[in-house]
C-alpha atoms as a PDB file:
ATOM      1  CA  MET A   1       0.661  -6.572   3.095  1.00  0.00           C
ATOM      2  CA  ASP A   2       3.783  -8.596   3.806  1.00  0.00           C
ATOM      3  CA  ARG A   3       3.986 -11.911   1.961  1.00  0.00           C
ATOM      4  CA  VAL A   4       6.651 -14.555   2.345  1.00  0.00           C
ATOM      5  CA  LEU A   5       7.817 -17.165  -0.135  1.00  0.00           C
ATOM      6  CA  ILE A   6      10.031 -20.012   1.064  1.00  0.00           C
ATOM      7  CA  ALA A   7      11.447 -21.723  -2.005  1.00  0.00           C
ATOM      8  CA  CYS A   8      13.120 -25.141  -2.081  1.00  0.00           C
ATOM      9  CA  ARG A   9      15.588 -26.046  -4.831  1.00  0.00           C
ATOM     10  CA  ASP A  10      12.941 -27.337  -7.248  1.00  0.00           C
ATOM     11  CA  PHE A  11      10.794 -24.250  -6.851  1.00  0.00           C
ATOM     12  CA  GLN A  12      13.827 -21.987  -7.215  1.00  0.00           C
ATOM     13  CA  GLY A  13      14.418 -23.658 -10.574  1.00  0.00           C
ATOM     14  CA  LEU A  14      10.850 -22.948 -11.672  1.00  0.00           C
ATOM     15  CA  LEU A  15      11.135 -19.313 -10.612  1.00  0.00           C
ATOM     16  CA  GLY A  16      14.492 -18.984 -12.361  1.00  0.00           C
ATOM     17  CA  ALA A  17      13.058 -20.456 -15.554  1.00  0.00           C
ATOM     18  CA  GLY A  18      10.435 -17.721 -15.639  1.00  0.00           C
ATOM     19  CA  VAL A  19       7.386 -19.986 -15.598  1.00  0.00           C
ATOM     20  CA  PRO A  20       4.553 -17.585 -16.540  1.00  0.00           C
ATOM     21  CA  MET A  21       2.133 -19.082 -14.011  1.00  0.00           C
ATOM     22  CA  LEU A  22       4.536 -18.046 -11.209  1.00  0.00           C
ATOM     23  CA  ALA A  23       5.328 -14.537 -12.464  1.00  0.00           C
ATOM     24  CA  PHE A  24       3.146 -12.961  -9.766  1.00  0.00           C
ATOM     25  CA  LEU A  25       5.695 -14.124  -7.166  1.00  0.00           C
ATOM     26  CA  ASP A  26       8.376 -11.867  -8.657  1.00  0.00           C
ATOM     27  CA  HIS A  27       7.069  -8.645  -7.126  1.00  0.00           C
ATOM     28  CA  SER A  28       8.265  -6.510  -4.256  1.00  0.00           C
ATOM     29  CA  GLN A  29       5.293  -7.489  -2.076  1.00  0.00           C
ATOM     30  CA  TRP A  30       6.859 -10.951  -1.716  1.00  0.00           C
ATOM     31  CA  ARG A  31       9.885 -11.546   0.516  1.00  0.00           C
ATOM     32  CA  ARG A  32      11.693 -14.594  -0.801  1.00  0.00           C
ATOM     33  CA  PHE A  33      13.764 -16.991   1.258  1.00  0.00           C
ATOM     34  CA  ASP A  34      15.619 -19.808  -0.503  1.00  0.00           C
ATOM     35  CA  LEU A  35      16.331 -23.106   1.209  1.00  0.00           C
ATOM     36  CA  PRO A  36      18.903 -25.456  -0.365  1.00  0.00           C
ATOM     37  CA  THR A  37      16.748 -28.512   0.242  1.00  0.00           C
ATOM     38  CA  GLY A  38      14.115 -30.671  -1.353  1.00  0.00           C
ATOM     39  CA  HIS A  39      10.341 -30.345  -1.202  1.00  0.00           C
ATOM     40  CA  TRP A  40      10.020 -31.414   2.453  1.00  0.00           C
ATOM     41  CA  PRO A  41      12.233 -28.946   4.377  1.00  0.00           C
ATOM     42  CA  MET A  42      10.551 -29.823   7.675  1.00  0.00           C
ATOM     43  CA  LEU A  43      12.035 -33.304   7.319  1.00  0.00           C
ATOM     44  CA  LEU A  44      15.229 -32.609   5.344  1.00  0.00           C
ATOM     45  CA  ALA A  45      16.378 -29.316   6.901  1.00  0.00           C
ATOM     46  CA  PRO A  46      14.318 -28.537  10.014  1.00  0.00           C
ATOM     47  CA  ALA A  47      16.909 -26.194  11.536  1.00  0.00           C
ATOM     48  CA  GLY A  48      17.234 -24.215   8.292  1.00  0.00           C
ATOM     49  CA  LEU A  49      13.464 -23.969   7.975  1.00  0.00           C
ATOM     50  CA  ALA A  50      13.181 -22.790  11.581  1.00  0.00           C
ATOM     51  CA  ASP A  51      15.803 -20.109  10.900  1.00  0.00           C
ATOM     52  CA  VAL A  52      13.929 -18.908   7.808  1.00  0.00           C
ATOM     53  CA  LEU A  53      10.596 -18.847   9.633  1.00  0.00           C
ATOM     54  CA  HIS A  54      12.166 -16.879  12.468  1.00  0.00           C
ATOM     55  CA  ALA A  55      13.683 -14.391   9.996  1.00  0.00           C
ATOM     56  CA  ALA A  56      10.347 -14.066   8.200  1.00  0.00           C
ATOM     57  CA  VAL A  57       8.491 -12.972  11.321  1.00  0.00           C
ATOM     58  CA  SER A  58      11.277 -10.817  12.780  1.00  0.00           C
END
């Protein structure tokens, strides 16, 4: 099964810090896309989010 993770800056920090509760996201079944934006990418970076969503389904 293909799973997608779109991570904003704050979430990237949590993943980088190795938070144990999020360890399951660091597996090959997850495709990770990072967005250099805050928690509301649909408001702060709508074009970037659209590009990531398009890449995720392509």
